[in-house]
Amino acid sequence: MSGSNVWSRSRDKLRIFTELVGQCAEEASVYGKCVAATTTSKRELKKDLCAKEFAALKTCFTNAAKKRMK
């Protein structure tokens, strides 16, 4: 396996990821704000504190990826 192929595939995946983030900007923003709000004052992020927001972001990514493959 050539090293250049690995980097090429990595670049392609990053490009796809940035496209998906762009399509889910609102959901990513809401999730990021939730994480930031729950980790102020050096508190640790606890499981499921932002589960609803994460689920919305995951759904958006999944739907955007499905549209991209069509």
PDB file of N, CA and C in Angstrom:
ATOM      1  N   MET A   1       0.850  -1.185   0.000  1.00  0.00           N
ATOM      2  CA  MET A   1       0.000   0.000   0.000  1.00  0.00           C
ATOM      3  C   MET A   1       0.886   1.235   0.000  1.00  0.00           C
ATOM      4  N   SER A   2       0.646   2.110  -0.871  1.00  0.00           N
ATOM      5  CA  SER A   2       1.443   3.323  -1.000  1.00  0.00           C
ATOM      6  C   SER A   2       1.024   4.355   0.041  1.00  0.00           C
ATOM      7  N   GLY A   3       2.014   5.046   0.582  1.00  0.00           N
ATOM      8  CA  GLY A   3       1.735   6.081   1.566  1.00  0.00           C
ATOM      9  C   GLY A   3       0.917   7.224   1.002  1.00  0.00           C
ATOM     10  N   SER A   4       1.141   7.533  -0.285  1.00  0.00           N
ATOM     11  CA  SER A   4       0.383   8.636  -0.881  1.00  0.00           C
ATOM     12  C   SER A   4      -1.102   8.309  -0.973  1.00  0.00           C
ATOM     13  N   ASN A   5      -1.443   7.034  -1.163  1.00  0.00           N
ATOM     14  CA  ASN A   5      -2.854   6.654  -1.206  1.00  0.00           C
ATOM     15  C   ASN A   5      -3.532   6.859   0.136  1.00  0.00           C
ATOM     16  N   VAL A   6      -2.796   6.587   1.214  1.00  0.00           N
ATOM     17  CA  VAL A   6      -3.346   6.787   2.556  1.00  0.00           C
ATOM     18  C   VAL A   6      -3.672   8.257   2.765  1.00  0.00           C
ATOM     19  N   TRP A   7      -2.750   9.135   2.393  1.00  0.00           N
ATOM     20  CA  TRP A   7      -2.983  10.566   2.575  1.00  0.00           C
ATOM     21  C   TRP A   7      -4.101  11.055   1.672  1.00  0.00           C
ATOM     22  N   SER A   8      -4.183  10.519   0.495  1.00  0.00           N
ATOM     23  CA  SER A   8      -5.248  10.911  -0.429  1.00  0.00           C
ATOM     24  C   SER A   8      -6.610  10.534   0.136  1.00  0.00           C
ATOM     25  N   ARG A   9      -6.726   9.324   0.655  1.00  0.00           N
ATOM     26  CA  ARG A   9      -7.995   8.903   1.254  1.00  0.00           C
ATOM     27  C   ARG A   9      -8.320   9.742   2.479  1.00  0.00           C
ATOM     28  N   SER A  10      -7.311  10.075   3.274  1.00  0.00           N
ATOM     29  CA  SER A  10      -7.543  10.904   4.468  1.00  0.00           C
ATOM     30  C   SER A  10      -8.048  12.283   4.073  1.00  0.00           C
ATOM     31  N   ARG A  11      -7.435  12.875   3.046  1.00  0.00           N
ATOM     32  CA  ARG A  11      -7.890  14.190   2.571  1.00  0.00           C
ATOM     33  C   ARG A  11      -9.321  14.117   2.067  1.00  0.00           C
ATOM     34  N   ASP A  12      -9.643  13.042   1.354  1.00  0.00           N
ATOM     35  CA  ASP A  12     -11.012  12.885   0.840  1.00  0.00           C
ATOM     36  C   ASP A  12     -12.016  12.793   1.984  1.00  0.00           C
ATOM     37  N   LYS A  13     -11.676  12.042   3.025  1.00  0.00           N
ATOM     38  CA  LYS A  13     -12.580  11.908   4.168  1.00  0.00           C
ATOM     39  C   LYS A  13     -12.755  13.239   4.881  1.00  0.00           C
ATOM     40  N   LEU A  14     -11.664  13.999   5.034  1.00  0.00           N
ATOM     41  CA  LEU A  14     -11.779  15.312   5.671  1.00  0.00           C
ATOM     42  C   LEU A  14     -12.622  16.260   4.830  1.00  0.00           C
ATOM     43  N   ARG A  15     -12.476  16.192   3.522  1.00  0.00           N
ATOM     44  CA  ARG A  15     -13.274  17.051   2.647  1.00  0.00           C
ATOM     45  C   ARG A  15     -14.752  16.715   2.780  1.00  0.00           C
ATOM     46  N   ILE A  16     -15.058  15.437   2.802  1.00  0.00           N
ATOM     47  CA  ILE A  16     -16.448  15.007   2.963  1.00  0.00           C
ATOM     48  C   ILE A  16     -16.989  15.465   4.312  1.00  0.00           C
ATOM     49  N   PHE A  17     -16.174  15.302   5.361  1.00  0.00           N
ATOM     50  CA  PHE A  17     -16.605  15.712   6.694  1.00  0.00           C
ATOM     51  C   PHE A  17     -16.922  17.199   6.736  1.00  0.00           C
ATOM     52  N   THR A  18     -16.067  18.028   6.129  1.00  0.00           N
ATOM     53  CA  THR A  18     -16.341  19.470   6.149  1.00  0.00           C
ATOM     54  C   THR A  18     -17.616  19.808   5.381  1.00  0.00           C
ATOM     55  N   GLU A  19     -17.900  19.062   4.310  1.00  0.00           N
ATOM     56  CA  GLU A  19     -19.162  19.271   3.589  1.00  0.00           C
ATOM     57  C   GLU A  19     -20.351  18.946   4.487  1.00  0.00           C
ATOM     58  N   LEU A  20     -20.252  17.846   5.220  1.00  0.00           N
ATOM     59  CA  LEU A  20     -21.348  17.441   6.105  1.00  0.00           C
ATOM     60  C   LEU A  20     -21.546  18.448   7.229  1.00  0.00           C
ATOM     61  N   VAL A  21     -20.437  18.925   7.797  1.00  0.00           N
ATOM     62  CA  VAL A  21     -20.541  19.937   8.862  1.00  0.00           C
ATOM     63  C   VAL A  21     -21.217  21.184   8.320  1.00  0.00           C
ATOM     64  N   GLY A  22     -20.874  21.562   7.112  1.00  0.00           N
ATOM     65  CA  GLY A  22     -21.499  22.734   6.496  1.00  0.00           C
ATOM     66  C   GLY A  22     -23.000  22.573   6.337  1.00  0.00           C
ATOM     67  N   GLN A  23     -23.432  21.360   6.029  1.00  0.00           N
ATOM     68  CA  GLN A  23     -24.862  21.112   5.872  1.00  0.00           C
ATOM     69  C   GLN A  23     -25.576  21.016   7.213  1.00  0.00           C
ATOM     70  N   CYS A  24     -24.829  20.795   8.275  1.00  0.00           N
ATOM     71  CA  CYS A  24     -25.416  20.623   9.612  1.00  0.00           C
ATOM     72  C   CYS A  24     -24.913  21.702  10.564  1.00  0.00           C
ATOM     73  N   ALA A  25     -24.673  22.878  10.036  1.00  0.00           N
ATOM     74  CA  ALA A  25     -24.091  23.950  10.834  1.00  0.00           C
ATOM     75  C   ALA A  25     -24.946  24.307  12.056  1.00  0.00           C
ATOM     76  N   GLU A  26     -26.235  24.374  11.870  1.00  0.00           N
ATOM     77  CA  GLU A  26     -27.126  24.737  12.983  1.00  0.00           C
ATOM     78  C   GLU A  26     -27.060  23.696  14.094  1.00  0.00           C
ATOM     79  N   GLU A  27     -27.154  22.427  13.730  1.00  0.00           N
ATOM     80  CA  GLU A  27     -27.109  21.353  14.723  1.00  0.00           C
ATOM     81  C   GLU A  27     -25.748  21.295  15.414  1.00  0.00           C
ATOM     82  N   ALA A  28     -24.669  21.515  14.636  1.00  0.00           N
ATOM     83  CA  ALA A  28     -23.317  21.518  15.211  1.00  0.00           C
ATOM     84  C   ALA A  28     -23.161  22.673  16.197  1.00  0.00           C
ATOM     85  N   SER A  29     -23.724  23.814  15.860  1.00  0.00           N
ATOM     86  CA  SER A  29     -23.655  24.979  16.737  1.00  0.00           C
ATOM     87  C   SER A  29     -24.402  24.736  18.046  1.00  0.00           C
ATOM     88  N   VAL A  30     -25.594  24.179  17.950  1.00  0.00           N
ATOM     89  CA  VAL A  30     -26.397  23.895  19.143  1.00  0.00           C
ATOM     90  C   VAL A  30     -25.672  22.894  20.042  1.00  0.00           C
ATOM     91  N   TYR A  31     -25.114  21.846  19.440  1.00  0.00           N
ATOM     92  CA  TYR A  31     -24.381  20.843  20.220  1.00  0.00           C
ATOM     93  C   TYR A  31     -23.139  21.462  20.866  1.00  0.00           C
ATOM     94  N   GLY A  32     -22.409  22.255  20.105  1.00  0.00           N
ATOM     95  CA  GLY A  32     -21.219  22.913  20.651  1.00  0.00           C
ATOM     96  C   GLY A  32     -21.552  23.837  21.802  1.00  0.00           C
ATOM     97  N   LYS A  33     -22.639  24.590  21.682  1.00  0.00           N
ATOM     98  CA  LYS A  33     -23.050  25.484  22.768  1.00  0.00           C
ATOM     99  C   LYS A  33     -23.445  24.699  24.009  1.00  0.00           C
ATOM    100  N   CYS A  34     -24.089  23.550  23.816  1.00  0.00           N
ATOM    101  CA  CYS A  34     -24.470  22.706  24.948  1.00  0.00           C
ATOM    102  C   CYS A  34     -23.219  22.201  25.665  1.00  0.00           C
ATOM    103  N   VAL A  35     -22.261  21.696  24.890  1.00  0.00           N
ATOM    104  CA  VAL A  35     -21.023  21.188  25.485  1.00  0.00           C
ATOM    105  C   VAL A  35     -20.294  22.310  26.222  1.00  0.00           C
ATOM    106  N   ALA A  36     -20.204  23.473  25.599  1.00  0.00           N
ATOM    107  CA  ALA A  36     -19.519  24.603  26.227  1.00  0.00           C
ATOM    108  C   ALA A  36     -20.222  25.026  27.511  1.00  0.00           C
ATOM    109  N   ALA A  37     -21.536  25.053  27.485  1.00  0.00           N
ATOM    110  CA  ALA A  37     -22.295  25.482  28.662  1.00  0.00           C
ATOM    111  C   ALA A  37     -22.164  24.496  29.815  1.00  0.00           C
ATOM    112  N   THR A  38     -22.047  23.227  29.504  1.00  0.00           N
ATOM    113  CA  THR A  38     -21.979  22.220  30.573  1.00  0.00           C
ATOM    114  C   THR A  38     -20.565  21.991  31.082  1.00  0.00           C
ATOM    115  N   THR A  39     -19.581  22.614  30.428  1.00  0.00           N
ATOM    116  CA  THR A  39     -18.197  22.428  30.875  1.00  0.00           C
ATOM    117  C   THR A  39     -17.572  23.725  31.373  1.00  0.00           C
ATOM    118  N   THR A  40     -18.382  24.712  31.681  1.00  0.00           N
ATOM    119  CA  THR A  40     -17.839  25.957  32.224  1.00  0.00           C
ATOM    120  C   THR A  40     -17.366  25.720  33.650  1.00  0.00           C
ATOM    121  N   SER A  41     -16.520  26.561  34.126  1.00  0.00           N
ATOM    122  CA  SER A  41     -15.962  26.470  35.483  1.00  0.00           C
ATOM    123  C   SER A  41     -15.241  25.147  35.717  1.00  0.00           C
ATOM    124  N   LYS A  42     -14.580  24.649  34.682  1.00  0.00           N
ATOM    125  CA  LYS A  42     -13.769  23.433  34.758  1.00  0.00           C
ATOM    126  C   LYS A  42     -14.567  22.188  35.128  1.00  0.00           C
ATOM    127  N   ARG A  43     -15.863  22.212  34.897  1.00  0.00           N
ATOM    128  CA  ARG A  43     -16.666  21.004  35.118  1.00  0.00           C
ATOM    129  C   ARG A  43     -16.414  20.042  33.988  1.00  0.00           C
ATOM    130  N   GLU A  44     -16.534  18.764  34.267  1.00  0.00           N
ATOM    131  CA  GLU A  44     -16.354  17.747  33.239  1.00  0.00           C
ATOM    132  C   GLU A  44     -17.680  17.480  32.535  1.00  0.00           C
ATOM    133  N   LEU A  45     -17.576  17.175  31.258  1.00  0.00           N
ATOM    134  CA  LEU A  45     -18.751  16.805  30.500  1.00  0.00           C
ATOM    135  C   LEU A  45     -19.185  15.415  30.940  1.00  0.00           C
ATOM    136  N   LYS A  46     -20.410  15.293  31.340  1.00  0.00           N
ATOM    137  CA  LYS A  46     -20.932  14.015  31.803  1.00  0.00           C
ATOM    138  C   LYS A  46     -21.786  13.382  30.705  1.00  0.00           C
ATOM    139  N   LYS A  47     -21.822  12.083  30.699  1.00  0.00           N
ATOM    140  CA  LYS A  47     -22.576  11.337  29.692  1.00  0.00           C
ATOM    141  C   LYS A  47     -24.042  11.773  29.689  1.00  0.00           C
ATOM    142  N   ASP A  48     -24.568  11.929  28.520  1.00  0.00           N
ATOM    143  CA  ASP A  48     -25.979  12.227  28.260  1.00  0.00           C
ATOM    144  C   ASP A  48     -26.427  13.649  28.603  1.00  0.00           C
ATOM    145  N   LEU A  49     -25.511  14.533  29.006  1.00  0.00           N
ATOM    146  CA  LEU A  49     -25.932  15.914  29.269  1.00  0.00           C
ATOM    147  C   LEU A  49     -26.381  16.613  27.983  1.00  0.00           C
ATOM    148  N   CYS A  50     -25.755  16.279  26.882  1.00  0.00           N
ATOM    149  CA  CYS A  50     -26.101  16.877  25.595  1.00  0.00           C
ATOM    150  C   CYS A  50     -26.572  15.808  24.610  1.00  0.00           C
ATOM    151  N   ALA A  51     -27.192  14.765  25.131  1.00  0.00           N
ATOM    152  CA  ALA A  51     -27.604  13.626  24.292  1.00  0.00           C
ATOM    153  C   ALA A  51     -28.611  14.036  23.227  1.00  0.00           C
ATOM    154  N   LYS A  52     -29.550  14.900  23.585  1.00  0.00           N
ATOM    155  CA  LYS A  52     -30.574  15.331  22.625  1.00  0.00           C
ATOM    156  C   LYS A  52     -29.929  16.112  21.479  1.00  0.00           C
ATOM    157  N   GLU A  53     -29.022  17.001  21.813  1.00  0.00           N
ATOM    158  CA  GLU A  53     -28.348  17.803  20.808  1.00  0.00           C
ATOM    159  C   GLU A  53     -27.434  16.938  19.929  1.00  0.00           C
ATOM    160  N   PHE A  54     -26.749  15.972  20.565  1.00  0.00           N
ATOM    161  CA  PHE A  54     -25.894  15.071  19.801  1.00  0.00           C
ATOM    162  C   PHE A  54     -26.724  14.215  18.851  1.00  0.00           C
ATOM    163  N   ALA A  55     -27.861  13.738  19.319  1.00  0.00           N
ATOM    164  CA  ALA A  55     -28.726  12.916  18.470  1.00  0.00           C
ATOM    165  C   ALA A  55     -29.187  13.700  17.248  1.00  0.00           C
ATOM    166  N   ALA A  56     -29.512  14.965  17.436  1.00  0.00           N
ATOM    167  CA  ALA A  56     -29.933  15.807  16.312  1.00  0.00           C
ATOM    168  C   ALA A  56     -28.784  15.992  15.321  1.00  0.00           C
ATOM    169  N   LEU A  57     -27.573  16.192  15.825  1.00  0.00           N
ATOM    170  CA  LEU A  57     -26.408  16.345  14.953  1.00  0.00           C
ATOM    171  C   LEU A  57     -26.113  15.047  14.207  1.00  0.00           C
ATOM    172  N   LYS A  58     -26.190  13.937  14.904  1.00  0.00           N
ATOM    173  CA  LYS A  58     -25.942  12.641  14.276  1.00  0.00           C
ATOM    174  C   LYS A  58     -26.970  12.362  13.177  1.00  0.00           C
ATOM    175  N   THR A  59     -28.223  12.663  13.444  1.00  0.00           N
ATOM    176  CA  THR A  59     -29.279  12.477  12.449  1.00  0.00           C
ATOM    177  C   THR A  59     -29.017  13.345  11.222  1.00  0.00           C
ATOM    178  N   CYS A  60     -28.610  14.577  11.455  1.00  0.00           N
ATOM    179  CA  CYS A  60     -28.319  15.477  10.347  1.00  0.00           C
ATOM    180  C   CYS A  60     -27.151  14.943   9.522  1.00  0.00           C
ATOM    181  N   PHE A  61     -26.064  14.510  10.177  1.00  0.00           N
ATOM    182  CA  PHE A  61     -24.922  13.938   9.458  1.00  0.00           C
ATOM    183  C   PHE A  61     -25.344  12.727   8.638  1.00  0.00           C
ATOM    184  N   THR A  62     -26.123  11.852   9.238  1.00  0.00           N
ATOM    185  CA  THR A  62     -26.569  10.645   8.551  1.00  0.00           C
ATOM    186  C   THR A  62     -27.389  10.993   7.318  1.00  0.00           C
ATOM    187  N   ASN A  63     -28.320  11.915   7.476  1.00  0.00           N
ATOM    188  CA  ASN A  63     -29.160  12.324   6.343  1.00  0.00           C
ATOM    189  C   ASN A  63     -28.343  13.017   5.255  1.00  0.00           C
ATOM    190  N   ALA A  64     -27.408  13.851   5.654  1.00  0.00           N
ATOM    191  CA  ALA A  64     -26.560  14.546   4.683  1.00  0.00           C
ATOM    192  C   ALA A  64     -25.678  13.558   3.933  1.00  0.00           C
ATOM    193  N   ALA A  65     -25.159  12.560   4.628  1.00  0.00           N
ATOM    194  CA  ALA A  65     -24.315  11.552   3.973  1.00  0.00           C
ATOM    195  C   ALA A  65     -25.138  10.716   3.000  1.00  0.00           C
ATOM    196  N   LYS A  66     -26.367  10.397   3.365  1.00  0.00           N
ATOM    197  CA  LYS A  66     -27.235   9.630   2.469  1.00  0.00           C
ATOM    198  C   LYS A  66     -27.527  10.424   1.201  1.00  0.00           C
ATOM    199  N   LYS A  67     -27.795  11.724   1.348  1.00  0.00           N
ATOM    200  CA  LYS A  67     -28.075  12.578   0.185  1.00  0.00           C
ATOM    201  C   LYS A  67     -26.847  12.659  -0.709  1.00  0.00           C
ATOM    202  N   ARG A  68     -25.672  12.714  -0.090  1.00  0.00           N
ATOM    203  CA  ARG A  68     -24.427  12.835  -0.846  1.00  0.00           C
ATOM    204  C   ARG A  68     -24.170  11.589  -1.695  1.00  0.00           C
ATOM    205  N   MET A  69     -24.575  10.428  -1.207  1.00  0.00           N
ATOM    206  CA  MET A  69     -24.308   9.183  -1.912  1.00  0.00           C
ATOM    207  C   MET A  69     -25.262   8.964  -3.098  1.00  0.00           C
ATOM    208  N   LYS A  70     -26.345   9.680  -3.147  1.00  0.00           N
ATOM    209  CA  LYS A  70     -27.313   9.502  -4.240  1.00  0.00           C
ATOM    210  C   LYS A  70     -26.806  10.105  -5.517  1.00  0.00           C
TER     211      LYS A  70
END
